[in-house]
Amino acid sequence: MDDTVRLSDGTTLHVVRDGPPDADVTVVFAHGYALDHRCWHYLAADLPTAVDHPVQVVAYDQRGHGRSSAATARTATVDQLGDDLAELIGQVARGSVVIVGHSMGGLTALALRERHPRLFQPIGGLAPKVAGLVLLATGAGERAAEVRAATGLAVESSASRIPAVIDKLMWDLESLLGSALIDLVTDRAHKAMVTSMRWSLFGDDPRQDDVLLTLRMIRHHWPKTMALFRTALDDYVRHARLSLPPGTPAIGVAGERDRLVPPEQVAALLDGIEDATTFVLPGTGHLLPLEAPALVLPRVTAVVHAVQRRLREAT
């Protein structure tokens, strides 16, 4: 079901909801940079039948993305995205929440933890509001920033503020297909796009439909939204850290062939967190929600089940 959530500053977030709104657990999917809620379509469809008890599933377009309100130079920050997520949770989730964040969506979850720590703390013996976390292709720290720069994915100039590899890819595709881009796909052009996207964002064997969907999403956000958020993302990733209260189930998932966020960066982010586990998915790249939903689903399910057990034990 399509819905709209209005935030305190007047921004509207486009939301897709499924399952009972009064469920004990709501799973919130937060997408990555230059993507939107559609990247979750496999997982959002499969999760309700994969878990033991009914859950509400919420996938939303982050500020400045998809069908949500546009961002500005002032609001295109990771801190703002964290605040948005806090408001979203307050409006859509009656029970506990499991956040599943991909890339920038994972950083959004980190900002939520930093700026709204009470959401992660048990209150009166009850489970915390945010009770579980799954981070897909999410890394942070100076080393993560260095990797981004080495792969050409950090800011290349103050004028464009778009990662060089994506900027070049979009210009090449524009030249190849003309202004209609995706709508004028031919078999020959399709092959060229798959080749380009495989190198930068995907692993060994992406489905062509997933590559086309990714191109549609990137095209929708290029160049304005991508330029708006680029500097904020590169700055935030250098300093972001994660800490969680004891007993919070947390899982990191990395793509073996991810050029943006190598597996060691995902593991480093979760290092030192009690009971946190990192999984590396063979042959996959950065677009884990599209490339490997069947491998990601059990990890999300595991965290949901852990939260559901905690809720039962608390009653």
C-alpha atoms as a PDB file:
ATOM      1  CA  MET A   1       0.000   0.000   0.000  1.00  0.00           C
ATOM      2  CA  ASP A   2       1.393   3.406  -0.998  1.00  0.00           C
ATOM      3  CA  ASP A   3       1.290   6.011   1.739  1.00  0.00           C
ATOM      4  CA  THR A   4       2.742   9.392   2.633  1.00  0.00           C
ATOM      5  CA  VAL A   5       4.352  10.460   5.891  1.00  0.00           C
ATOM      6  CA  ARG A   6       4.581  14.193   6.575  1.00  0.00           C
ATOM      7  CA  LEU A   7       7.529  15.297   8.701  1.00  0.00           C
ATOM      8  CA  SER A   8       7.639  18.212  11.105  1.00  0.00           C
ATOM      9  CA  ASP A   9       9.369  20.499   8.576  1.00  0.00           C
ATOM     10  CA  GLY A  10       6.724  19.827   5.922  1.00  0.00           C
ATOM     11  CA  THR A  11       8.744  17.269   3.985  1.00  0.00           C
ATOM     12  CA  THR A  12       6.738  14.306   2.738  1.00  0.00           C
ATOM     13  CA  LEU A  13       8.203  10.827   2.506  1.00  0.00           C
ATOM     14  CA  HIS A  14       6.767   8.300   0.077  1.00  0.00           C
ATOM     15  CA  VAL A  15       6.160   5.032   1.926  1.00  0.00           C
ATOM     16  CA  VAL A  16       5.114   1.551   0.808  1.00  0.00           C
ATOM     17  CA  ARG A  17       3.598  -0.514   3.627  1.00  0.00           C
ATOM     18  CA  ASP A  18       2.519  -4.125   3.913  1.00  0.00           C
ATOM     19  CA  GLY A  19       1.288  -6.152   6.861  1.00  0.00           C
ATOM     20  CA  PRO A  20      -0.577  -5.199  10.045  1.00  0.00           C
ATOM     21  CA  PRO A  21       0.271  -1.683  11.288  1.00  0.00           C
ATOM     22  CA  ASP A  22      -0.136  -2.892  14.874  1.00  0.00           C
ATOM     23  CA  ALA A  23       2.384  -5.731  14.437  1.00  0.00           C
ATOM     24  CA  ASP A  24       4.786  -6.344  17.309  1.00  0.00           C
ATOM     25  CA  VAL A  25       7.676  -5.854  14.866  1.00  0.00           C
ATOM     26  CA  THR A  26       7.988  -3.450  11.947  1.00  0.00           C
ATOM     27  CA  VAL A  27      10.852  -3.893   9.482  1.00  0.00           C
ATOM     28  CA  VAL A  28      11.943  -0.582   7.953  1.00  0.00           C
ATOM     29  CA  PHE A  29      13.999  -0.738   4.752  1.00  0.00           C
ATOM     30  CA  ALA A  30      16.273   2.297   4.132  1.00  0.00           C
ATOM     31  CA  HIS A  31      17.737   2.442   0.626  1.00  0.00           C
ATOM     32  CA  GLY A  32      21.102   3.650  -0.626  1.00  0.00           C
ATOM     33  CA  TYR A  33      22.401   6.712  -2.467  1.00  0.00           C
ATOM     34  CA  ALA A  34      20.599   7.562  -5.717  1.00  0.00           C
ATOM     35  CA  LEU A  35      18.206   4.617  -5.276  1.00  0.00           C
ATOM     36  CA  ASP A  36      14.655   4.410  -3.936  1.00  0.00           C
ATOM     37  CA  HIS A  37      12.222   1.978  -2.303  1.00  0.00           C
ATOM     38  CA  ARG A  38      12.083  -0.202  -5.431  1.00  0.00           C
ATOM     39  CA  CYS A  39      15.480  -1.732  -4.655  1.00  0.00           C
ATOM     40  CA  TRP A  40      13.737  -3.652  -1.850  1.00  0.00           C
ATOM     41  CA  HIS A  41      10.991  -5.220  -3.943  1.00  0.00           C
ATOM     42  CA  TYR A  42      12.309  -8.799  -3.619  1.00  0.00           C
ATOM     43  CA  LEU A  43      12.884  -8.653   0.133  1.00  0.00           C
ATOM     44  CA  ALA A  44       9.732  -6.698   0.943  1.00  0.00           C
ATOM     45  CA  ALA A  45       7.643  -9.264  -0.919  1.00  0.00           C
ATOM     46  CA  ASP A  46       9.297 -12.348   0.592  1.00  0.00           C
ATOM     47  CA  LEU A  47       9.808 -11.305   4.211  1.00  0.00           C
ATOM     48  CA  PRO A  48       6.191 -11.614   5.457  1.00  0.00           C
ATOM     49  CA  THR A  49       6.076 -15.342   4.615  1.00  0.00           C
ATOM     50  CA  ALA A  50       9.622 -16.013   5.852  1.00  0.00           C
ATOM     51  CA  VAL A  51       9.065 -14.976   9.489  1.00  0.00           C
ATOM     52  CA  ASP A  52       7.293 -16.907  12.248  1.00  0.00           C
ATOM     53  CA  HIS A  53       4.879 -14.147  13.290  1.00  0.00           C
ATOM     54  CA  PRO A  54       3.217 -11.307  11.332  1.00  0.00           C
ATOM     55  CA  VAL A  55       5.342  -8.232  10.728  1.00  0.00           C
ATOM     56  CA  GLN A  56       4.716  -4.885   9.128  1.00  0.00           C
ATOM     57  CA  VAL A  57       7.085  -4.106   6.245  1.00  0.00           C
ATOM     58  CA  VAL A  58       7.864  -0.474   5.437  1.00  0.00           C
ATOM     59  CA  ALA A  59      10.017   0.631   2.506  1.00  0.00           C
ATOM     60  CA  TYR A  60      10.357   4.366   1.984  1.00  0.00           C
ATOM     61  CA  ASP A  61      12.030   6.914  -0.263  1.00  0.00           C
ATOM     62  CA  GLN A  62      14.534   8.954   1.682  1.00  0.00           C
ATOM     63  CA  ARG A  63      14.408  12.754   1.531  1.00  0.00           C
ATOM     64  CA  GLY A  64      15.470  13.933  -1.924  1.00  0.00           C
ATOM     65  CA  HIS A  65      14.961  10.487  -3.447  1.00  0.00           C
ATOM     66  CA  GLY A  66      12.225   8.705  -5.352  1.00  0.00           C
ATOM     67  CA  ARG A  67       8.794  10.214  -4.810  1.00  0.00           C
ATOM     68  CA  SER A  68       9.648  11.980  -1.553  1.00  0.00           C
ATOM     69  CA  SER A  69      10.106  15.755  -1.256  1.00  0.00           C
ATOM     70  CA  ALA A  70      13.243  17.288  -2.680  1.00  0.00           C
ATOM     71  CA  ALA A  71      16.228  17.993  -0.475  1.00  0.00           C
ATOM     72  CA  THR A  72      18.096  21.283  -0.302  1.00  0.00           C
ATOM     73  CA  ALA A  73      21.728  22.144   0.270  1.00  0.00           C
ATOM     74  CA  ARG A  74      20.867  22.565   3.953  1.00  0.00           C
ATOM     75  CA  THR A  75      18.886  19.335   4.378  1.00  0.00           C
ATOM     76  CA  ALA A  76      20.935  16.974   2.193  1.00  0.00           C
ATOM     77  CA  THR A  77      22.868  15.568   5.161  1.00  0.00           C
ATOM     78  CA  VAL A  78      23.117  12.170   6.800  1.00  0.00           C
ATOM     79  CA  ASP A  79      22.146  13.695  10.137  1.00  0.00           C
ATOM     80  CA  GLN A  80      18.930  14.953   8.569  1.00  0.00           C
ATOM     81  CA  LEU A  81      18.234  11.507   7.125  1.00  0.00           C
ATOM     82  CA  GLY A  82      18.651  10.080  10.624  1.00  0.00           C
ATOM     83  CA  ASP A  83      16.178  12.600  12.000  1.00  0.00           C
ATOM     84  CA  ASP A  84      13.762  11.752   9.183  1.00  0.00           C
ATOM     85  CA  LEU A  85      13.984   8.076  10.060  1.00  0.00           C
ATOM     86  CA  ALA A  86      13.218   8.831  13.708  1.00  0.00           C
ATOM     87  CA  GLU A  87      10.064  10.703  12.699  1.00  0.00           C
ATOM     88  CA  LEU A  88       9.065   7.986  10.255  1.00  0.00           C
ATOM     89  CA  ILE A  89       9.394   5.307  12.933  1.00  0.00           C
ATOM     90  CA  GLY A  90       7.296   7.378  15.309  1.00  0.00           C
ATOM     91  CA  GLN A  91       4.479   7.564  12.772  1.00  0.00           C
ATOM     92  CA  VAL A  92       4.401   4.090  11.225  1.00  0.00           C
ATOM     93  CA  ALA A  93       5.532   1.628  13.927  1.00  0.00           C
ATOM     94  CA  ARG A  94       3.520   0.807  17.054  1.00  0.00           C
ATOM     95  CA  GLY A  95       5.806  -2.008  18.174  1.00  0.00           C
ATOM     96  CA  SER A  96       9.539  -2.605  17.968  1.00  0.00           C
ATOM     97  CA  VAL A  97      11.526  -1.878  14.808  1.00  0.00           C
ATOM     98  CA  VAL A  98      14.207  -3.705  12.866  1.00  0.00           C
ATOM     99  CA  ILE A  99      16.082  -1.399  10.504  1.00  0.00           C
ATOM    100  CA  VAL A 100      17.572  -2.829   7.319  1.00  0.00           C
ATOM    101  CA  GLY A 101      19.862  -0.240   5.772  1.00  0.00           C
ATOM    102  CA  HIS A 102      21.751  -0.504   2.493  1.00  0.00           C
ATOM    103  CA  SER A 103      24.846   1.680   2.013  1.00  0.00           C
ATOM    104  CA  MET A 104      23.593   5.253   2.597  1.00  0.00           C
ATOM    105  CA  GLY A 105      20.590   3.695   4.319  1.00  0.00           C
ATOM    106  CA  GLY A 106      23.006   2.024   6.720  1.00  0.00           C
ATOM    107  CA  LEU A 107      24.615   5.395   7.430  1.00  0.00           C
ATOM    108  CA  THR A 108      21.114   6.734   8.069  1.00  0.00           C
ATOM    109  CA  ALA A 109      20.726   4.062  10.752  1.00  0.00           C
ATOM    110  CA  LEU A 110      24.077   5.120  12.269  1.00  0.00           C
ATOM    111  CA  ALA A 111      22.912   8.734  12.375  1.00  0.00           C
ATOM    112  CA  LEU A 112      19.667   7.618  14.011  1.00  0.00           C
ATOM    113  CA  ARG A 113      21.635   5.808  16.704  1.00  0.00           C
ATOM    114  CA  GLU A 114      23.877   8.820  17.312  1.00  0.00           C
ATOM    115  CA  ARG A 115      21.149  11.463  17.338  1.00  0.00           C
ATOM    116  CA  HIS A 116      18.292   9.510  18.918  1.00  0.00           C
ATOM    117  CA  PRO A 117      19.948   7.084  21.348  1.00  0.00           C
ATOM    118  CA  ARG A 118      16.812   6.671  23.461  1.00  0.00           C
ATOM    119  CA  LEU A 119      15.167   4.771  20.630  1.00  0.00           C
ATOM    120  CA  PHE A 120      17.730   2.016  21.190  1.00  0.00           C
ATOM    121  CA  GLN A 121      17.385   1.826  24.971  1.00  0.00           C
ATOM    122  CA  PRO A 122      14.957  -0.455  26.846  1.00  0.00           C
ATOM    123  CA  ILE A 123      12.345   1.456  28.801  1.00  0.00           C
ATOM    124  CA  GLY A 124      10.776   0.054  31.947  1.00  0.00           C
ATOM    125  CA  GLY A 125      11.883  -3.481  31.215  1.00  0.00           C
ATOM    126  CA  LEU A 126      10.335  -3.383  27.752  1.00  0.00           C
ATOM    127  CA  ALA A 127      12.210  -3.904  24.490  1.00  0.00           C
ATOM    128  CA  PRO A 128      13.636  -0.756  22.898  1.00  0.00           C
ATOM    129  CA  LYS A 129      11.832   0.898  20.012  1.00  0.00           C
ATOM    130  CA  VAL A 130      14.711   0.094  17.645  1.00  0.00           C
ATOM    131  CA  ALA A 131      15.497  -3.467  18.628  1.00  0.00           C
ATOM    132  CA  GLY A 132      17.522  -4.884  15.717  1.00  0.00           C
ATOM    133  CA  LEU A 133      19.777  -3.812  12.875  1.00  0.00           C
ATOM    134  CA  VAL A 134      20.892  -5.260   9.530  1.00  0.00           C
ATOM    135  CA  LEU A 135      23.540  -3.302   7.617  1.00  0.00           C
ATOM    136  CA  LEU A 136      24.093  -4.162   3.963  1.00  0.00           C
ATOM    137  CA  ALA A 137      27.241  -2.895   2.224  1.00  0.00           C
ATOM    138  CA  THR A 138      27.803  -0.244   4.905  1.00  0.00           C
ATOM    139  CA  GLY A 139      31.251   0.875   6.021  1.00  0.00           C
ATOM    140  CA  ALA A 140      32.688   3.886   7.818  1.00  0.00           C
ATOM    141  CA  GLY A 141      35.913   5.417   9.050  1.00  0.00           C
ATOM    142  CA  GLU A 142      39.011   6.908   7.434  1.00  0.00           C
ATOM    143  CA  ARG A 143      39.901   3.673   5.686  1.00  0.00           C
ATOM    144  CA  ALA A 144      36.461   3.477   4.122  1.00  0.00           C
ATOM    145  CA  ALA A 145      36.861   7.026   2.832  1.00  0.00           C
ATOM    146  CA  GLU A 146      40.244   6.112   1.340  1.00  0.00           C
ATOM    147  CA  VAL A 147      38.726   3.149  -0.489  1.00  0.00           C
ATOM    148  CA  ARG A 148      35.998   5.367  -1.918  1.00  0.00           C
ATOM    149  CA  ALA A 149      38.589   7.812  -3.196  1.00  0.00           C
ATOM    150  CA  ALA A 150      40.750   5.046  -4.674  1.00  0.00           C
ATOM    151  CA  THR A 151      37.821   3.688  -6.681  1.00  0.00           C
ATOM    152  CA  GLY A 152      36.834   7.128  -7.954  1.00  0.00           C
ATOM    153  CA  LEU A 153      33.637   7.155  -5.931  1.00  0.00           C
ATOM    154  CA  ALA A 154      34.403  10.069  -3.652  1.00  0.00           C
ATOM    155  CA  VAL A 155      34.040  13.730  -4.584  1.00  0.00           C
ATOM    156  CA  GLU A 156      36.171  14.515  -7.620  1.00  0.00           C
ATOM    157  CA  SER A 157      35.580  18.250  -7.787  1.00  0.00           C
ATOM    158  CA  SER A 158      33.627  20.878  -5.921  1.00  0.00           C
ATOM    159  CA  ALA A 159      31.885  21.756  -9.169  1.00  0.00           C
ATOM    160  CA  SER A 160      30.189  18.432  -9.859  1.00  0.00           C
ATOM    161  CA  ARG A 161      30.182  16.648  -6.482  1.00  0.00           C
ATOM    162  CA  ILE A 162      29.252  13.463  -8.331  1.00  0.00           C
ATOM    163  CA  PRO A 163      31.428  10.342  -8.037  1.00  0.00           C
ATOM    164  CA  ALA A 164      33.578  10.147 -11.148  1.00  0.00           C
ATOM    165  CA  VAL A 165      32.736   6.573 -12.099  1.00  0.00           C
ATOM    166  CA  ILE A 166      28.973   7.234 -11.959  1.00  0.00           C
ATOM    167  CA  ASP A 167      29.318  10.588 -13.706  1.00  0.00           C
ATOM    168  CA  LYS A 168      31.245   8.998 -16.560  1.00  0.00           C
ATOM    169  CA  LEU A 169      28.823   6.094 -16.768  1.00  0.00           C
ATOM    170  CA  MET A 170      25.808   8.385 -17.064  1.00  0.00           C
ATOM    171  CA  TRP A 171      27.446  10.590 -19.689  1.00  0.00           C
ATOM    172  CA  ASP A 172      28.457   7.506 -21.701  1.00  0.00           C
ATOM    173  CA  LEU A 173      24.920   6.139 -21.574  1.00  0.00           C
ATOM    174  CA  GLU A 174      23.471   9.542 -22.470  1.00  0.00           C
ATOM    175  CA  SER A 175      25.698   9.623 -25.545  1.00  0.00           C
ATOM    176  CA  LEU A 176      24.818   6.061 -26.439  1.00  0.00           C
ATOM    177  CA  LEU A 177      21.048   6.248 -26.016  1.00  0.00           C
ATOM    178  CA  GLY A 178      20.161   9.915 -26.231  1.00  0.00           C
ATOM    179  CA  SER A 179      17.982  11.843 -23.800  1.00  0.00           C
ATOM    180  CA  ALA A 180      15.389   9.080 -23.413  1.00  0.00           C
ATOM    181  CA  LEU A 181      18.130   6.798 -22.065  1.00  0.00           C
ATOM    182  CA  ILE A 182      16.260   3.817 -20.649  1.00  0.00           C
ATOM    183  CA  ASP A 183      13.199   4.107 -22.885  1.00  0.00           C
ATOM    184  CA  LEU A 184      15.285   3.618 -26.019  1.00  0.00           C
ATOM    185  CA  VAL A 185      17.023   0.449 -24.911  1.00  0.00           C
ATOM    186  CA  THR A 186      18.105  -1.888 -27.691  1.00  0.00           C
ATOM    187  CA  ASP A 187      19.729  -5.290 -27.295  1.00  0.00           C
ATOM    188  CA  ARG A 188      23.082  -3.798 -28.182  1.00  0.00           C
ATOM    189  CA  ALA A 189      22.723  -0.868 -25.794  1.00  0.00           C
ATOM    190  CA  HIS A 190      21.404  -3.167 -23.096  1.00  0.00           C
ATOM    191  CA  LYS A 191      24.574  -5.232 -23.268  1.00  0.00           C
ATOM    192  CA  ALA A 192      26.701  -2.100 -22.969  1.00  0.00           C
ATOM    193  CA  MET A 193      24.791  -0.976 -19.887  1.00  0.00           C
ATOM    194  CA  VAL A 194      25.081  -4.352 -18.203  1.00  0.00           C
ATOM    195  CA  THR A 195      28.845  -4.295 -18.784  1.00  0.00           C
ATOM    196  CA  SER A 196      29.229  -0.785 -17.351  1.00  0.00           C
ATOM    197  CA  MET A 197      27.036  -1.386 -14.338  1.00  0.00           C
ATOM    198  CA  ARG A 198      28.587  -4.754 -13.555  1.00  0.00           C
ATOM    199  CA  TRP A 199      31.997  -3.185 -13.084  1.00  0.00           C
ATOM    200  CA  SER A 200      30.911  -0.320 -10.861  1.00  0.00           C
ATOM    201  CA  LEU A 201      27.984  -1.630  -8.829  1.00  0.00           C
ATOM    202  CA  PHE A 202      27.347  -5.334  -9.379  1.00  0.00           C
ATOM    203  CA  GLY A 203      29.115  -8.640  -8.874  1.00  0.00           C
ATOM    204  CA  ASP A 204      29.596 -11.616 -11.148  1.00  0.00           C
ATOM    205  CA  ASP A 205      26.199 -12.292 -12.651  1.00  0.00           C
ATOM    206  CA  PRO A 206      23.541  -9.595 -12.264  1.00  0.00           C
ATOM    207  CA  ARG A 207      20.077 -10.055 -13.708  1.00  0.00           C
ATOM    208  CA  GLN A 208      19.483  -7.689 -16.604  1.00  0.00           C
ATOM    209  CA  ASP A 209      16.188  -6.459 -15.158  1.00  0.00           C
ATOM    210  CA  ASP A 210      17.988  -5.476 -11.958  1.00  0.00           C
ATOM    211  CA  VAL A 211      20.630  -3.556 -13.891  1.00  0.00           C
ATOM    212  CA  LEU A 212      17.932  -1.684 -15.811  1.00  0.00           C
ATOM    213  CA  LEU A 213      16.044  -0.883 -12.601  1.00  0.00           C
ATOM    214  CA  THR A 214      19.253   0.452 -11.064  1.00  0.00           C
ATOM    215  CA  LEU A 215      19.872   2.619 -14.114  1.00  0.00           C
ATOM    216  CA  ARG A 216      16.345   3.995 -13.917  1.00  0.00           C
ATOM    217  CA  MET A 217      16.828   4.878 -10.267  1.00  0.00           C
ATOM    218  CA  ILE A 218      20.226   6.506 -10.824  1.00  0.00           C
ATOM    219  CA  ARG A 219      18.941   8.402 -13.850  1.00  0.00           C
ATOM    220  CA  HIS A 220      16.083   9.812 -11.771  1.00  0.00           C
ATOM    221  CA  HIS A 221      18.569  11.271  -9.275  1.00  0.00           C
ATOM    222  CA  TRP A 222      21.255  12.419 -11.710  1.00  0.00           C
ATOM    223  CA  PRO A 223      22.758  14.959 -11.476  1.00  0.00           C
ATOM    224  CA  LYS A 224      20.996  17.205  -8.919  1.00  0.00           C
ATOM    225  CA  THR A 225      20.263  14.820  -6.045  1.00  0.00           C
ATOM    226  CA  MET A 226      23.559  12.998  -6.480  1.00  0.00           C
ATOM    227  CA  ALA A 227      25.461  16.276  -6.315  1.00  0.00           C
ATOM    228  CA  LEU A 228      23.496  17.491  -3.291  1.00  0.00           C
ATOM    229  CA  PHE A 229      24.244  14.435  -1.149  1.00  0.00           C
ATOM    230  CA  ARG A 230      27.756  13.555  -2.323  1.00  0.00           C
ATOM    231  CA  THR A 231      29.795  15.816  -0.068  1.00  0.00           C
ATOM    232  CA  ALA A 232      27.711  15.020   3.004  1.00  0.00           C
ATOM    233  CA  LEU A 233      28.151  11.294   2.459  1.00  0.00           C
ATOM    234  CA  ASP A 234      31.899  11.539   1.978  1.00  0.00           C
ATOM    235  CA  ASP A 235      32.249  13.678   5.106  1.00  0.00           C
ATOM    236  CA  TYR A 236      30.004  11.491   7.254  1.00  0.00           C
ATOM    237  CA  VAL A 237      31.639   8.205   6.338  1.00  0.00           C
ATOM    238  CA  ARG A 238      34.987   9.426   7.693  1.00  0.00           C
ATOM    239  CA  HIS A 239      33.713   9.972  11.209  1.00  0.00           C
ATOM    240  CA  ALA A 240      30.778   7.586  11.616  1.00  0.00           C
ATOM    241  CA  ARG A 241      30.947   4.953  14.330  1.00  0.00           C
ATOM    242  CA  LEU A 242      28.495   2.403  15.633  1.00  0.00           C
ATOM    243  CA  SER A 243      27.748   1.335  19.172  1.00  0.00           C
ATOM    244  CA  LEU A 244      24.736  -0.642  20.325  1.00  0.00           C
ATOM    245  CA  PRO A 245      23.317  -1.570  23.718  1.00  0.00           C
ATOM    246  CA  PRO A 246      24.138  -5.127  24.824  1.00  0.00           C
ATOM    247  CA  GLY A 247      21.661  -7.660  23.538  1.00  0.00           C
ATOM    248  CA  THR A 248      20.801  -5.779  20.342  1.00  0.00           C
ATOM    249  CA  PRO A 249      20.908  -8.264  17.451  1.00  0.00           C
ATOM    250  CA  ALA A 250      22.985  -6.838  14.604  1.00  0.00           C
ATOM    251  CA  ILE A 251      24.163  -8.372  11.347  1.00  0.00           C
ATOM    252  CA  GLY A 252      26.405  -6.949   8.635  1.00  0.00           C
ATOM    253  CA  VAL A 253      26.272  -8.279   5.096  1.00  0.00           C
ATOM    254  CA  ALA A 254      28.998  -7.575   2.537  1.00  0.00           C
ATOM    255  CA  GLY A 255      29.470  -8.333  -1.130  1.00  0.00           C
ATOM    256  CA  GLU A 256      32.649 -10.231  -1.903  1.00  0.00           C
ATOM    257  CA  ARG A 257      33.239  -8.095  -5.013  1.00  0.00           C
ATOM    258  CA  ASP A 258      31.926  -4.791  -3.699  1.00  0.00           C
ATOM    259  CA  ARG A 259      34.185  -2.000  -4.981  1.00  0.00           C
ATOM    260  CA  LEU A 260      32.504   0.729  -2.951  1.00  0.00           C
ATOM    261  CA  VAL A 261      32.423  -0.950   0.459  1.00  0.00           C
ATOM    262  CA  PRO A 262      34.790  -3.943   0.657  1.00  0.00           C
ATOM    263  CA  PRO A 263      33.904  -6.694   3.157  1.00  0.00           C
ATOM    264  CA  GLU A 264      36.596  -5.684   5.624  1.00  0.00           C
ATOM    265  CA  GLN A 265      34.922  -2.288   6.021  1.00  0.00           C
ATOM    266  CA  VAL A 266      31.592  -3.872   6.906  1.00  0.00           C
ATOM    267  CA  ALA A 267      33.326  -6.116   9.429  1.00  0.00           C
ATOM    268  CA  ALA A 268      35.276  -3.182  10.900  1.00  0.00           C
ATOM    269  CA  LEU A 269      32.096  -1.196  11.494  1.00  0.00           C
ATOM    270  CA  LEU A 270      30.616  -4.035  13.567  1.00  0.00           C
ATOM    271  CA  ASP A 271      33.855  -4.970  15.299  1.00  0.00           C
ATOM    272  CA  GLY A 272      33.524  -4.884  19.071  1.00  0.00           C
ATOM    273  CA  ILE A 273      29.726  -4.973  19.099  1.00  0.00           C
ATOM    274  CA  GLU A 274      28.428  -7.791  21.266  1.00  0.00           C
ATOM    275  CA  ASP A 275      27.031 -10.746  19.294  1.00  0.00           C
ATOM    276  CA  ALA A 276      27.264  -8.892  15.952  1.00  0.00           C
ATOM    277  CA  THR A 277      28.075 -11.043  12.937  1.00  0.00           C
ATOM    278  CA  THR A 278      29.268 -10.193   9.429  1.00  0.00           C
ATOM    279  CA  PHE A 279      28.520 -12.355   6.407  1.00  0.00           C
ATOM    280  CA  VAL A 280      30.291 -12.103   3.051  1.00  0.00           C
ATOM    281  CA  LEU A 281      28.198 -13.151   0.065  1.00  0.00           C
ATOM    282  CA  PRO A 282      30.345 -14.727  -2.682  1.00  0.00           C
ATOM    283  CA  GLY A 283      30.365 -13.210  -6.139  1.00  0.00           C
ATOM    284  CA  THR A 284      28.207 -10.227  -5.209  1.00  0.00           C
ATOM    285  CA  GLY A 285      28.844  -6.512  -5.517  1.00  0.00           C
ATOM    286  CA  HIS A 286      27.282  -3.456  -3.930  1.00  0.00           C
ATOM    287  CA  LEU A 287      23.623  -3.899  -4.907  1.00  0.00           C
ATOM    288  CA  LEU A 288      22.913  -6.707  -2.444  1.00  0.00           C
ATOM    289  CA  PRO A 289      19.134  -6.149  -2.158  1.00  0.00           C
ATOM    290  CA  LEU A 290      18.820  -6.803  -5.895  1.00  0.00           C
ATOM    291  CA  GLU A 291      21.700  -9.216  -6.477  1.00  0.00           C
ATOM    292  CA  ALA A 292      21.219 -11.622  -3.604  1.00  0.00           C
ATOM    293  CA  PRO A 293      17.809 -11.297  -1.944  1.00  0.00           C
ATOM    294  CA  ALA A 294      17.663 -15.050  -1.274  1.00  0.00           C
ATOM    295  CA  LEU A 295      20.931 -14.785   0.690  1.00  0.00           C
ATOM    296  CA  VAL A 296      20.039 -11.553   2.465  1.00  0.00           C
ATOM    297  CA  LEU A 297      16.564 -12.727   3.501  1.00  0.00           C
ATOM    298  CA  PRO A 298      17.735 -15.331   6.076  1.00  0.00           C
ATOM    299  CA  ARG A 299      19.889 -12.667   7.783  1.00  0.00           C
ATOM    300  CA  VAL A 300      16.965 -10.256   8.060  1.00  0.00           C
ATOM    301  CA  THR A 301      14.733 -13.082   9.231  1.00  0.00           C
ATOM    302  CA  ALA A 302      17.264 -14.059  11.915  1.00  0.00           C
ATOM    303  CA  VAL A 303      17.245 -10.562  13.404  1.00  0.00           C
ATOM    304  CA  VAL A 304      13.442 -10.344  13.271  1.00  0.00           C
ATOM    305  CA  HIS A 305      13.149 -13.692  15.059  1.00  0.00           C
ATOM    306  CA  ALA A 306      15.651 -12.579  17.700  1.00  0.00           C
ATOM    307  CA  VAL A 307      13.557  -9.458  18.364  1.00  0.00           C
ATOM    308  CA  GLN A 308      10.336 -11.463  18.465  1.00  0.00           C
ATOM    309  CA  ARG A 309      11.871 -13.832  21.032  1.00  0.00           C
ATOM    310  CA  ARG A 310      12.965 -10.895  23.147  1.00  0.00           C
ATOM    311  CA  LEU A 311       9.460  -9.459  23.053  1.00  0.00           C
ATOM    312  CA  ARG A 312       7.933 -12.772  24.138  1.00  0.00           C
ATOM    313  CA  GLU A 313      10.405 -13.091  27.002  1.00  0.00           C
ATOM    314  CA  ALA A 314       9.561  -9.568  28.166  1.00  0.00           C
ATOM    315  CA  THR A 315       5.832 -10.314  28.504  1.00  0.00           C
END
